[in-house]
C-alpha atoms as a PDB file:
ATOM      1  CA  MET A   1       0.000   0.000   0.000  1.00  0.00           C
ATOM      2  CA  PRO A   2       1.600   3.293  -1.085  1.00  0.00           C
ATOM      3  CA  GLN A   3       2.348   5.645   1.776  1.00  0.00           C
ATOM      4  CA  ALA A   4       1.127   8.438  -0.491  1.00  0.00           C
ATOM      5  CA  ASP A   5      -2.424   7.038  -0.281  1.00  0.00           C
ATOM      6  CA  LEU A   6      -2.383   7.168   3.506  1.00  0.00           C
ATOM      7  CA  ASP A   7      -0.885  10.638   3.472  1.00  0.00           C
ATOM      8  CA  ASN A   8      -3.635  11.740   1.104  1.00  0.00           C
ATOM      9  CA  VAL A   9      -6.356  10.438   3.436  1.00  0.00           C
ATOM     10  CA  ARG A  10      -4.677  12.144   6.393  1.00  0.00           C
ATOM     11  CA  SER A  11      -4.463  15.417   4.486  1.00  0.00           C
ATOM     12  CA  LEU A  12      -8.096  15.194   3.424  1.00  0.00           C
ATOM     13  CA  LEU A  13      -9.298  14.669   6.993  1.00  0.00           C
ATOM     14  CA  GLU A  14      -7.038  17.315   8.472  1.00  0.00           C
ATOM     15  CA  SER A  15      -8.101  19.802   5.794  1.00  0.00           C
ATOM     16  CA  GLN A  16     -11.554  19.631   7.391  1.00  0.00           C
ATOM     17  CA  GLY A  17     -10.171  20.387  10.835  1.00  0.00           C
ATOM     18  CA  TYR A  18     -10.313  16.765  12.013  1.00  0.00           C
ATOM     19  CA  ILE A  19      -7.348  15.958  14.283  1.00  0.00           C
ATOM     20  CA  THR A  20      -6.592  12.385  13.335  1.00  0.00           C
ATOM     21  CA  ASP A  21      -4.123   9.623  14.183  1.00  0.00           C
ATOM     22  CA  GLU A  22      -2.614   6.604  12.425  1.00  0.00           C
ATOM     23  CA  ASN A  23      -5.405   4.166  13.364  1.00  0.00           C
ATOM     24  CA  ILE A  24      -8.143   6.433  12.034  1.00  0.00           C
ATOM     25  CA  VAL A  25      -6.217   7.170   8.838  1.00  0.00           C
ATOM     26  CA  MET A  26      -5.556   3.484   8.171  1.00  0.00           C
ATOM     27  CA  SER A  27      -9.139   2.395   8.914  1.00  0.00           C
ATOM     28  CA  THR A  28     -10.646   5.171   6.796  1.00  0.00           C
ATOM     29  CA  TYR A  29      -8.363   4.373   3.865  1.00  0.00           C
ATOM     30  CA  LEU A  30      -9.089   0.627   3.982  1.00  0.00           C
ATOM     31  CA  ALA A  31     -12.842   1.168   4.331  1.00  0.00           C
ATOM     32  CA  MET A  32     -12.860   3.269   1.164  1.00  0.00           C
ATOM     33  CA  ALA A  33     -10.433   1.031  -0.728  1.00  0.00           C
ATOM     34  CA  LEU A  34     -12.275  -2.203   0.118  1.00  0.00           C
ATOM     35  CA  GLN A  35     -15.754  -0.608  -0.009  1.00  0.00           C
ATOM     36  CA  LYS A  36     -16.589  -2.042   3.381  1.00  0.00           C
ATOM     37  CA  PRO A  37     -18.505  -0.382   6.221  1.00  0.00           C
ATOM     38  CA  LEU A  38     -16.379   1.080   9.018  1.00  0.00           C
ATOM     39  CA  LEU A  39     -17.698   0.297  12.503  1.00  0.00           C
ATOM     40  CA  LEU A  40     -16.599   2.856  15.081  1.00  0.00           C
ATOM     41  CA  GLU A  41     -17.158   2.052  18.738  1.00  0.00           C
ATOM     42  CA  GLY A  42     -16.287   4.061  21.809  1.00  0.00           C
ATOM     43  CA  PRO A  43     -17.685   6.254  24.571  1.00  0.00           C
ATOM     44  CA  THR A  44     -20.117   9.057  23.864  1.00  0.00           C
ATOM     45  CA  GLY A  45     -18.576  12.307  22.700  1.00  0.00           C
ATOM     46  CA  VAL A  46     -15.176  11.099  21.483  1.00  0.00           C
ATOM     47  CA  GLY A  47     -15.651  12.117  17.839  1.00  0.00           C
ATOM     48  CA  LYS A  48     -17.023   9.017  16.096  1.00  0.00           C
ATOM     49  CA  THR A  49     -19.666  10.939  14.173  1.00  0.00           C
ATOM     50  CA  GLU A  50     -17.103  13.576  13.236  1.00  0.00           C
ATOM     51  CA  VAL A  51     -15.172  10.970  11.220  1.00  0.00           C
ATOM     52  CA  ALA A  52     -18.109  10.595   8.831  1.00  0.00           C
ATOM     53  CA  LYS A  53     -18.668  14.349   8.630  1.00  0.00           C
ATOM     54  CA  ALA A  54     -15.000  14.952   7.860  1.00  0.00           C
ATOM     55  CA  MET A  55     -14.989  12.170   5.226  1.00  0.00           C
ATOM     56  CA  ALA A  56     -17.980  13.664   3.422  1.00  0.00           C
ATOM     57  CA  LYS A  57     -16.512  17.164   3.382  1.00  0.00           C
ATOM     58  CA  ALA A  58     -13.082  15.905   2.341  1.00  0.00           C
ATOM     59  CA  LEU A  59     -14.547  13.868  -0.532  1.00  0.00           C
ATOM     60  CA  GLY A  60     -16.851  16.690  -1.570  1.00  0.00           C
ATOM     61  CA  THR A  61     -19.907  14.484  -1.337  1.00  0.00           C
ATOM     62  CA  GLU A  62     -23.196  14.362   0.518  1.00  0.00           C
ATOM     63  CA  LEU A  63     -23.446  13.121   4.102  1.00  0.00           C
ATOM     64  CA  ILE A  64     -26.624  11.086   4.598  1.00  0.00           C
ATOM     65  CA  ARG A  65     -27.355  10.356   8.244  1.00  0.00           C
ATOM     66  CA  LEU A  66     -29.590   7.636   9.629  1.00  0.00           C
ATOM     67  CA  GLN A  67     -30.060   8.302  13.337  1.00  0.00           C
ATOM     68  CA  CYS A  68     -30.966   5.031  15.025  1.00  0.00           C
ATOM     69  CA  TYR A  69     -33.358   4.714  17.942  1.00  0.00           C
ATOM     70  CA  GLU A  70     -35.429   2.091  19.696  1.00  0.00           C
ATOM     71  CA  GLY A  71     -38.298   1.019  17.458  1.00  0.00           C
ATOM     72  CA  LEU A  72     -36.667   2.164  14.199  1.00  0.00           C
ATOM     73  CA  ASP A  73     -38.224   0.197  11.337  1.00  0.00           C
ATOM     74  CA  ALA A  74     -37.715  -0.314   7.617  1.00  0.00           C
ATOM     75  CA  ASN A  75     -40.205   2.382   6.591  1.00  0.00           C
ATOM     76  CA  ALA A  76     -38.426   5.096   8.553  1.00  0.00           C
ATOM     77  CA  ALA A  77     -35.044   3.983   7.216  1.00  0.00           C
ATOM     78  CA  LEU A  78     -35.926   3.123   3.595  1.00  0.00           C
ATOM     79  CA  TYR A  79     -38.986   4.789   2.109  1.00  0.00           C
ATOM     80  CA  GLU A  80     -42.626   5.658   2.566  1.00  0.00           C
ATOM     81  CA  TRP A  81     -45.344   6.529   0.128  1.00  0.00           C
ATOM     82  CA  ASN A  82     -46.653  10.085   0.148  1.00  0.00           C
ATOM     83  CA  TYR A  83     -50.225   9.078   0.948  1.00  0.00           C
ATOM     84  CA  GLN A  84     -51.633  12.611   0.967  1.00  0.00           C
ATOM     85  CA  ARG A  85     -50.249  13.318  -2.481  1.00  0.00           C
ATOM     86  CA  GLN A  86     -51.502   9.964  -3.747  1.00  0.00           C
ATOM     87  CA  LEU A  87     -55.029  10.694  -2.473  1.00  0.00           C
ATOM     88  CA  LEU A  88     -54.982  14.150  -4.040  1.00  0.00           C
ATOM     89  CA  HIS A  89     -53.875  12.665  -7.358  1.00  0.00           C
ATOM     90  CA  LEU A  90     -56.640  10.056  -7.272  1.00  0.00           C
ATOM     91  CA  ARG A  91     -59.238  12.736  -6.603  1.00  0.00           C
ATOM     92  CA  LEU A  92     -57.992  14.734  -9.565  1.00  0.00           C
ATOM     93  CA  GLU A  93     -58.240  11.580 -11.669  1.00  0.00           C
ATOM     94  CA  GLU A  94     -61.813  10.769 -10.621  1.00  0.00           C
ATOM     95  CA  GLY A  95     -63.297  12.060 -13.843  1.00  0.00           C
ATOM     96  CA  ALA A  96     -60.690  10.494 -16.096  1.00  0.00           C
ATOM     97  CA  ALA A  97     -61.747   7.670 -18.400  1.00  0.00           C
ATOM     98  CA  ARG A  98     -59.420   5.101 -16.832  1.00  0.00           C
ATOM     99  CA  SER A  99     -59.939   1.880 -14.996  1.00  0.00           C
ATOM    100  CA  ILE A 100     -59.326   1.674 -11.256  1.00  0.00           C
ATOM    101  CA  GLU A 101     -56.235  -0.419 -11.934  1.00  0.00           C
ATOM    102  CA  GLU A 102     -54.842   2.189 -14.316  1.00  0.00           C
ATOM    103  CA  LYS A 103     -55.477   4.989 -11.829  1.00  0.00           C
ATOM    104  CA  GLU A 104     -53.775   3.056  -9.032  1.00  0.00           C
ATOM    105  CA  ALA A 105     -50.802   2.347 -11.266  1.00  0.00           C
ATOM    106  CA  THR A 106     -50.175   6.045 -11.767  1.00  0.00           C
ATOM    107  CA  ILE A 107     -49.695   6.750  -8.046  1.00  0.00           C
ATOM    108  CA  PHE A 108     -46.901   4.255  -7.511  1.00  0.00           C
ATOM    109  CA  GLY A 109     -43.924   6.004  -9.016  1.00  0.00           C
ATOM    110  CA  GLU A 110     -40.919   7.952  -7.836  1.00  0.00           C
ATOM    111  CA  ALA A 111     -42.911  11.182  -7.806  1.00  0.00           C
ATOM    112  CA  PHE A 112     -44.921   9.818  -4.864  1.00  0.00           C
ATOM    113  CA  LEU A 113     -41.996   8.101  -3.090  1.00  0.00           C
ATOM    114  CA  LEU A 114     -40.562   9.649   0.077  1.00  0.00           C
ATOM    115  CA  LYS A 115     -36.953   8.550   0.179  1.00  0.00           C
ATOM    116  CA  ARG A 116     -35.529   7.919   3.634  1.00  0.00           C
ATOM    117  CA  PRO A 117     -31.767   7.761   4.352  1.00  0.00           C
ATOM    118  CA  LEU A 118     -31.020   4.242   3.068  1.00  0.00           C
ATOM    119  CA  LEU A 119     -32.849   4.720  -0.226  1.00  0.00           C
ATOM    120  CA  GLN A 120     -31.336   8.187  -0.602  1.00  0.00           C
ATOM    121  CA  ALA A 121     -27.875   6.639  -0.258  1.00  0.00           C
ATOM    122  CA  LEU A 122     -28.632   4.050  -2.949  1.00  0.00           C
ATOM    123  CA  THR A 123     -29.939   6.552  -5.488  1.00  0.00           C
ATOM    124  CA  CYS A 124     -27.349   9.338  -5.285  1.00  0.00           C
ATOM    125  CA  ASP A 125     -25.567  10.245  -8.524  1.00  0.00           C
ATOM    126  CA  LYS A 126     -22.286  10.527  -6.606  1.00  0.00           C
ATOM    127  CA  ALA A 127     -21.342   8.014  -3.916  1.00  0.00           C
ATOM    128  CA  PRO A 128     -22.299   9.634  -0.595  1.00  0.00           C
ATOM    129  CA  VAL A 129     -21.058   8.968   2.920  1.00  0.00           C
ATOM    130  CA  LEU A 130     -23.803   7.062   4.736  1.00  0.00           C
ATOM    131  CA  LEU A 131     -23.636   7.548   8.502  1.00  0.00           C
ATOM    132  CA  ILE A 132     -25.608   4.953  10.477  1.00  0.00           C
ATOM    133  CA  ASP A 133     -25.389   6.634  13.850  1.00  0.00           C
ATOM    134  CA  GLU A 134     -25.737   4.796  17.172  1.00  0.00           C
ATOM    135  CA  LEU A 135     -26.798   1.467  15.694  1.00  0.00           C
ATOM    136  CA  ASP A 136     -26.739  -0.011  19.205  1.00  0.00           C
ATOM    137  CA  ARG A 137     -29.896   1.992  20.005  1.00  0.00           C
ATOM    138  CA  SER A 138     -31.937   0.081  17.415  1.00  0.00           C
ATOM    139  CA  ASP A 139     -33.168  -3.480  17.951  1.00  0.00           C
ATOM    140  CA  GLU A 140     -31.794  -6.740  16.553  1.00  0.00           C
ATOM    141  CA  GLU A 141     -34.554  -7.013  13.924  1.00  0.00           C
ATOM    142  CA  PHE A 142     -33.501  -3.750  12.330  1.00  0.00           C
ATOM    143  CA  GLU A 143     -29.876  -4.869  12.493  1.00  0.00           C
ATOM    144  CA  SER A 144     -30.750  -8.003  10.504  1.00  0.00           C
ATOM    145  CA  PHE A 145     -32.682  -5.961   7.953  1.00  0.00           C
ATOM    146  CA  LEU A 146     -29.723  -3.597   7.576  1.00  0.00           C
ATOM    147  CA  LEU A 147     -27.389  -6.505   6.790  1.00  0.00           C
ATOM    148  CA  GLU A 148     -29.352  -7.326   3.637  1.00  0.00           C
ATOM    149  CA  ILE A 149     -28.998  -3.758   2.363  1.00  0.00           C
ATOM    150  CA  LEU A 150     -25.263  -3.594   3.108  1.00  0.00           C
ATOM    151  CA  SER A 151     -24.629  -6.975   1.482  1.00  0.00           C
ATOM    152  CA  ASP A 152     -26.454  -6.479  -1.830  1.00  0.00           C
ATOM    153  CA  TRP A 153     -26.727  -2.694  -2.105  1.00  0.00           C
ATOM    154  CA  GLN A 154     -30.216  -3.021  -3.435  1.00  0.00           C
ATOM    155  CA  ILE A 155     -33.788  -2.945  -2.214  1.00  0.00           C
ATOM    156  CA  THR A 156     -37.070  -4.106  -3.646  1.00  0.00           C
ATOM    157  CA  VAL A 157     -40.026  -1.754  -3.647  1.00  0.00           C
ATOM    158  CA  PRO A 158     -42.970  -4.073  -4.414  1.00  0.00           C
ATOM    159  CA  GLU A 159     -44.856  -1.490  -6.461  1.00  0.00           C
ATOM    160  CA  ILE A 160     -41.795  -0.442  -8.510  1.00  0.00           C
ATOM    161  CA  GLY A 161     -39.275  -3.284  -8.495  1.00  0.00           C
ATOM    162  CA  THR A 162     -35.659  -3.650  -7.460  1.00  0.00           C
ATOM    163  CA  ILE A 163     -33.531  -0.549  -7.023  1.00  0.00           C
ATOM    164  CA  THR A 164     -29.783  -1.163  -7.170  1.00  0.00           C
ATOM    165  CA  ALA A 165     -27.170   1.343  -6.040  1.00  0.00           C
ATOM    166  CA  SER A 166     -25.612   3.196  -8.943  1.00  0.00           C
ATOM    167  CA  GLN A 167     -22.713   4.206  -6.678  1.00  0.00           C
ATOM    168  CA  ILE A 168     -21.759   2.255  -3.547  1.00  0.00           C
ATOM    169  CA  PRO A 169     -21.680   4.674  -0.598  1.00  0.00           C
ATOM    170  CA  SER A 170     -18.938   4.894   1.986  1.00  0.00           C
ATOM    171  CA  VAL A 171     -20.580   3.621   5.176  1.00  0.00           C
ATOM    172  CA  VAL A 172     -19.696   4.614   8.726  1.00  0.00           C
ATOM    173  CA  ILE A 173     -21.529   2.862  11.572  1.00  0.00           C
ATOM    174  CA  THR A 174     -21.184   4.150  15.122  1.00  0.00           C
ATOM    175  CA  SER A 175     -21.996   2.490  18.423  1.00  0.00           C
ATOM    176  CA  ASN A 176     -21.752   3.640  22.039  1.00  0.00           C
ATOM    177  CA  ARG A 177     -22.065   0.009  23.201  1.00  0.00           C
ATOM    178  CA  THR A 178     -25.364   0.436  25.039  1.00  0.00           C
ATOM    179  CA  ARG A 179     -25.874  -3.109  23.771  1.00  0.00           C
ATOM    180  CA  GLU A 180     -23.617  -5.554  21.972  1.00  0.00           C
ATOM    181  CA  LEU A 181     -23.920  -5.592  18.189  1.00  0.00           C
ATOM    182  CA  SER A 182     -24.275  -8.955  16.470  1.00  0.00           C
ATOM    183  CA  ASP A 183     -21.355 -10.951  15.130  1.00  0.00           C
ATOM    184  CA  ALA A 184     -22.959 -10.747  11.682  1.00  0.00           C
ATOM    185  CA  VAL A 185     -22.606  -6.955  11.667  1.00  0.00           C
ATOM    186  CA  ARG A 186     -19.045  -7.099  12.955  1.00  0.00           C
ATOM    187  CA  ARG A 187     -17.989  -9.627  10.293  1.00  0.00           C
ATOM    188  CA  ARG A 188     -19.128  -7.321   7.514  1.00  0.00           C
ATOM    189  CA  CYS A 189     -17.299  -4.280   8.842  1.00  0.00           C
ATOM    190  CA  LEU A 190     -13.830  -3.006   9.474  1.00  0.00           C
ATOM    191  CA  TYR A 191     -13.556  -2.172  13.157  1.00  0.00           C
ATOM    192  CA  LEU A 192     -12.017   0.699  15.087  1.00  0.00           C
ATOM    193  CA  TRP A 193     -12.266   1.593  18.755  1.00  0.00           C
ATOM    194  CA  ILE A 194     -12.066   5.329  19.458  1.00  0.00           C
ATOM    195  CA  GLY A 195     -11.338   6.084  23.096  1.00  0.00           C
ATOM    196  CA  TYR A 196     -10.756   9.287  24.987  1.00  0.00           C
ATOM    197  CA  PRO A 197      -7.965  11.343  23.422  1.00  0.00           C
ATOM    198  CA  SER A 198      -4.481  11.770  24.823  1.00  0.00           C
ATOM    199  CA  PHE A 199      -3.615  15.127  26.358  1.00  0.00           C
ATOM    200  CA  GLU A 200      -1.681  16.161  23.248  1.00  0.00           C
ATOM    201  CA  LYS A 201      -4.513  15.266  20.885  1.00  0.00           C
ATOM    202  CA  GLU A 202      -7.160  16.905  23.061  1.00  0.00           C
ATOM    203  CA  LEU A 203      -5.099  20.085  23.294  1.00  0.00           C
ATOM    204  CA  ALA A 204      -4.672  20.152  19.505  1.00  0.00           C
ATOM    205  CA  ILE A 205      -8.433  19.711  19.060  1.00  0.00           C
ATOM    206  CA  VAL A 206      -9.257  22.536  21.476  1.00  0.00           C
ATOM    207  CA  ARG A 207      -6.783  24.869  19.791  1.00  0.00           C
ATOM    208  CA  GLY A 208      -8.192  24.002  16.379  1.00  0.00           C
ATOM    209  CA  LYS A 209     -11.893  24.109  17.255  1.00  0.00           C
ATOM    210  CA  VAL A 210     -12.171  26.957  19.762  1.00  0.00           C
ATOM    211  CA  GLN A 211     -11.511  30.380  18.342  1.00  0.00           C
ATOM    212  CA  GLY A 212      -9.865  32.850  20.674  1.00  0.00           C
ATOM    213  CA  VAL A 213      -8.964  30.376  23.410  1.00  0.00           C
ATOM    214  CA  ASP A 214      -5.962  31.448  25.506  1.00  0.00           C
ATOM    215  CA  GLU A 215      -2.990  29.063  25.302  1.00  0.00           C
ATOM    216  CA  LYS A 216      -2.737  28.756  29.078  1.00  0.00           C
ATOM    217  CA  LEU A 217      -6.456  28.227  29.436  1.00  0.00           C
ATOM    218  CA  ALA A 218      -6.482  25.498  26.767  1.00  0.00           C
ATOM    219  CA  ASP A 219      -3.628  23.733  28.557  1.00  0.00           C
ATOM    220  CA  GLN A 220      -5.403  23.934  31.932  1.00  0.00           C
ATOM    221  CA  ILE A 221      -8.708  22.728  30.496  1.00  0.00           C
ATOM    222  CA  CYS A 222      -7.138  19.653  28.912  1.00  0.00           C
ATOM    223  CA  HIS A 223      -5.126  18.755  32.023  1.00  0.00           C
ATOM    224  CA  PHE A 224      -8.301  19.116  34.084  1.00  0.00           C
ATOM    225  CA  MET A 225     -10.328  16.904  31.728  1.00  0.00           C
ATOM    226  CA  GLN A 226      -7.640  14.235  31.567  1.00  0.00           C
ATOM    227  CA  ARG A 227      -7.637  13.918  35.357  1.00  0.00           C
ATOM    228  CA  LEU A 228     -11.414  14.208  35.594  1.00  0.00           C
ATOM    229  CA  ARG A 229     -11.830  11.080  33.445  1.00  0.00           C
ATOM    230  CA  GLU A 230      -9.918   9.066  36.011  1.00  0.00           C
ATOM    231  CA  LEU A 231     -12.904   9.390  38.381  1.00  0.00           C
ATOM    232  CA  GLN A 232     -15.718   6.865  38.535  1.00  0.00           C
ATOM    233  CA  LEU A 233     -18.354   9.179  37.090  1.00  0.00           C
ATOM    234  CA  GLU A 234     -21.827   8.211  35.935  1.00  0.00           C
ATOM    235  CA  LYS A 235     -21.295  10.105  32.669  1.00  0.00           C
ATOM    236  CA  THR A 236     -17.646  10.557  31.782  1.00  0.00           C
ATOM    237  CA  PRO A 237     -17.263  13.715  29.671  1.00  0.00           C
ATOM    238  CA  GLY A 238     -15.831  13.325  26.186  1.00  0.00           C
ATOM    239  CA  ILE A 239     -14.059  15.681  23.821  1.00  0.00           C
ATOM    240  CA  ALA A 240     -17.421  17.238  22.919  1.00  0.00           C
ATOM    241  CA  GLU A 241     -17.771  18.482  26.507  1.00  0.00           C
ATOM    242  CA  THR A 242     -14.184  19.732  26.479  1.00  0.00           C
ATOM    243  CA  ILE A 243     -14.904  21.843  23.402  1.00  0.00           C
ATOM    244  CA  ASP A 244     -18.174  23.123  24.867  1.00  0.00           C
ATOM    245  CA  TRP A 245     -16.427  24.067  28.109  1.00  0.00           C
ATOM    246  CA  ALA A 246     -13.631  25.852  26.297  1.00  0.00           C
ATOM    247  CA  MET A 247     -16.170  27.806  24.231  1.00  0.00           C
ATOM    248  CA  ALA A 248     -18.095  28.705  27.381  1.00  0.00           C
ATOM    249  CA  LEU A 249     -14.961  29.992  29.114  1.00  0.00           C
ATOM    250  CA  VAL A 250     -14.013  32.035  26.051  1.00  0.00           C
ATOM    251  CA  ALA A 251     -17.531  33.509  26.051  1.00  0.00           C
ATOM    252  CA  LEU A 252     -16.944  34.450  29.707  1.00  0.00           C
ATOM    253  CA  HIS A 253     -13.653  36.105  28.695  1.00  0.00           C
ATOM    254  CA  ARG A 254     -11.571  33.816  30.901  1.00  0.00           C
ATOM    255  CA  SER A 255      -7.856  33.411  30.232  1.00  0.00           C
ATOM    256  CA  LYS A 256      -7.213  30.855  32.990  1.00  0.00           C
ATOM    257  CA  LEU A 257      -9.120  28.587  35.337  1.00  0.00           C
ATOM    258  CA  ASP A 258     -10.067  29.554  38.853  1.00  0.00           C
ATOM    259  CA  PRO A 259     -12.079  27.544  41.423  1.00  0.00           C
ATOM    260  CA  ASP A 260     -15.190  29.739  41.282  1.00  0.00           C
ATOM    261  CA  THR A 261     -15.386  29.637  37.482  1.00  0.00           C
ATOM    262  CA  VAL A 262     -14.980  25.866  37.467  1.00  0.00           C
ATOM    263  CA  ARG A 263     -17.808  25.431  40.006  1.00  0.00           C
ATOM    264  CA  ASP A 264     -20.055  27.845  38.144  1.00  0.00           C
ATOM    265  CA  THR A 265     -19.571  26.095  34.784  1.00  0.00           C
ATOM    266  CA  LEU A 266     -19.600  22.457  35.898  1.00  0.00           C
ATOM    267  CA  GLY A 267     -22.960  22.007  34.177  1.00  0.00           C
ATOM    268  CA  VAL A 268     -21.173  22.235  30.838  1.00  0.00           C
ATOM    269  CA  ILE A 269     -19.048  19.149  31.466  1.00  0.00           C
ATOM    270  CA  CYS A 270     -21.061  17.183  34.054  1.00  0.00           C
ATOM    271  CA  LYS A 271     -24.552  16.034  33.088  1.00  0.00           C
ATOM    272  CA  ASN A 272     -25.470  14.315  36.325  1.00  0.00           C
ATOM    273  CA  ARG A 273     -26.085  15.773  39.815  1.00  0.00           C
ATOM    274  CA  ASP A 274     -24.021  13.146  41.625  1.00  0.00           C
ATOM    275  CA  ASP A 275     -21.135  13.769  39.217  1.00  0.00           C
ATOM    276  CA  MET A 276     -21.334  17.502  39.841  1.00  0.00           C
ATOM    277  CA  ASP A 277     -21.275  16.999  43.614  1.00  0.00           C
ATOM    278  CA  LEU A 278     -18.321  14.618  43.372  1.00  0.00           C
ATOM    279  CA  VAL A 279     -16.312  16.989  41.194  1.00  0.00           C
ATOM    280  CA  ALA A 280     -17.163  20.121  43.204  1.00  0.00           C
ATOM    281  CA  ASN A 281     -16.698  18.703  46.689  1.00  0.00           C
ATOM    282  CA  LYS A 282     -14.023  16.022  46.357  1.00  0.00           C
ATOM    283  CA  PHE A 283     -12.182  16.408  43.077  1.00  0.00           C
ATOM    284  CA  LEU A 284     -11.823  20.151  42.674  1.00  0.00           C
ATOM    285  CA  PRO A 285      -9.935  20.677  45.967  1.00  0.00           C
ATOM    286  CA  THR A 286      -7.362  18.060  44.910  1.00  0.00           C
ATOM    287  CA  VAL A 287      -6.488  19.841  41.664  1.00  0.00           C
ATOM    288  CA  ALA A 288      -5.872  23.298  43.048  1.00  0.00           C
ATOM    289  CA  ASP A 289      -2.643  23.472  41.055  1.00  0.00           C
ATOM    290  CA  LEU A 290      -4.674  23.540  37.829  1.00  0.00           C
ATOM    291  CA  VAL A 291      -7.094  26.223  38.955  1.00  0.00           C
ATOM    292  CA  ALA A 292      -4.809  28.442  40.985  1.00  0.00           C
ATOM    293  CA  ASP A 293      -4.903  32.168  40.477  1.00  0.00           C
END
């Protein structure tokens, strides 16, 4: 594999402001080269979704996002018929000299088809990036249904026929591991675990994402977050919370941390009352060196 190809992928991602590393570059390159889905697992807020966004921008193509949730079914993911438009069309055709069968046939065409994310991805003129976000939130039945789409890249609409992808999309699947995904899904994907970033990577992300952040403040924030994640919190904050906190402190015109500011802004990084109490009462006093005046 030419090193130039990997360097090109790295440059593409970094050109979109995505701070990457060797594992992400390699996995992204292989997923595109082999036309296989890339399964990204890791804690909430570590940047899994951002990989797909950066890929789409770097490739100059559309990002199509399927947000998964409990109870997600094929209709919501694939297509639905525009029933209101169909009824209106039939009413307009009431006086036409056509049989009922002929009238019904006219309402089952692409003009009356509401394309949902999976069908959108199959019918794009240019291969899009298809983000299947938080697949672990859907149920096993939907997972099985999804496997058929990813294997054949085609679907059958009974009233129209089989629709085959003109361009195979680049697929990114994310999971926060709220439940274990099936072996069948894992076998069909390339796999990458994305954990919490190192101090150096987190600092680079903050500097790149947060306009106007003071160098000392950025350093203090990242040291604080690195040590905070060592606690047994209910909801461990990810890089998303780090960025939000840095933006909040910039909005408050802070150039360094101090104990009062940290206590007043804990709601940006802690999303649980017990976590806030633990950080404010037990953790904060032990890191006075990071929040000293």
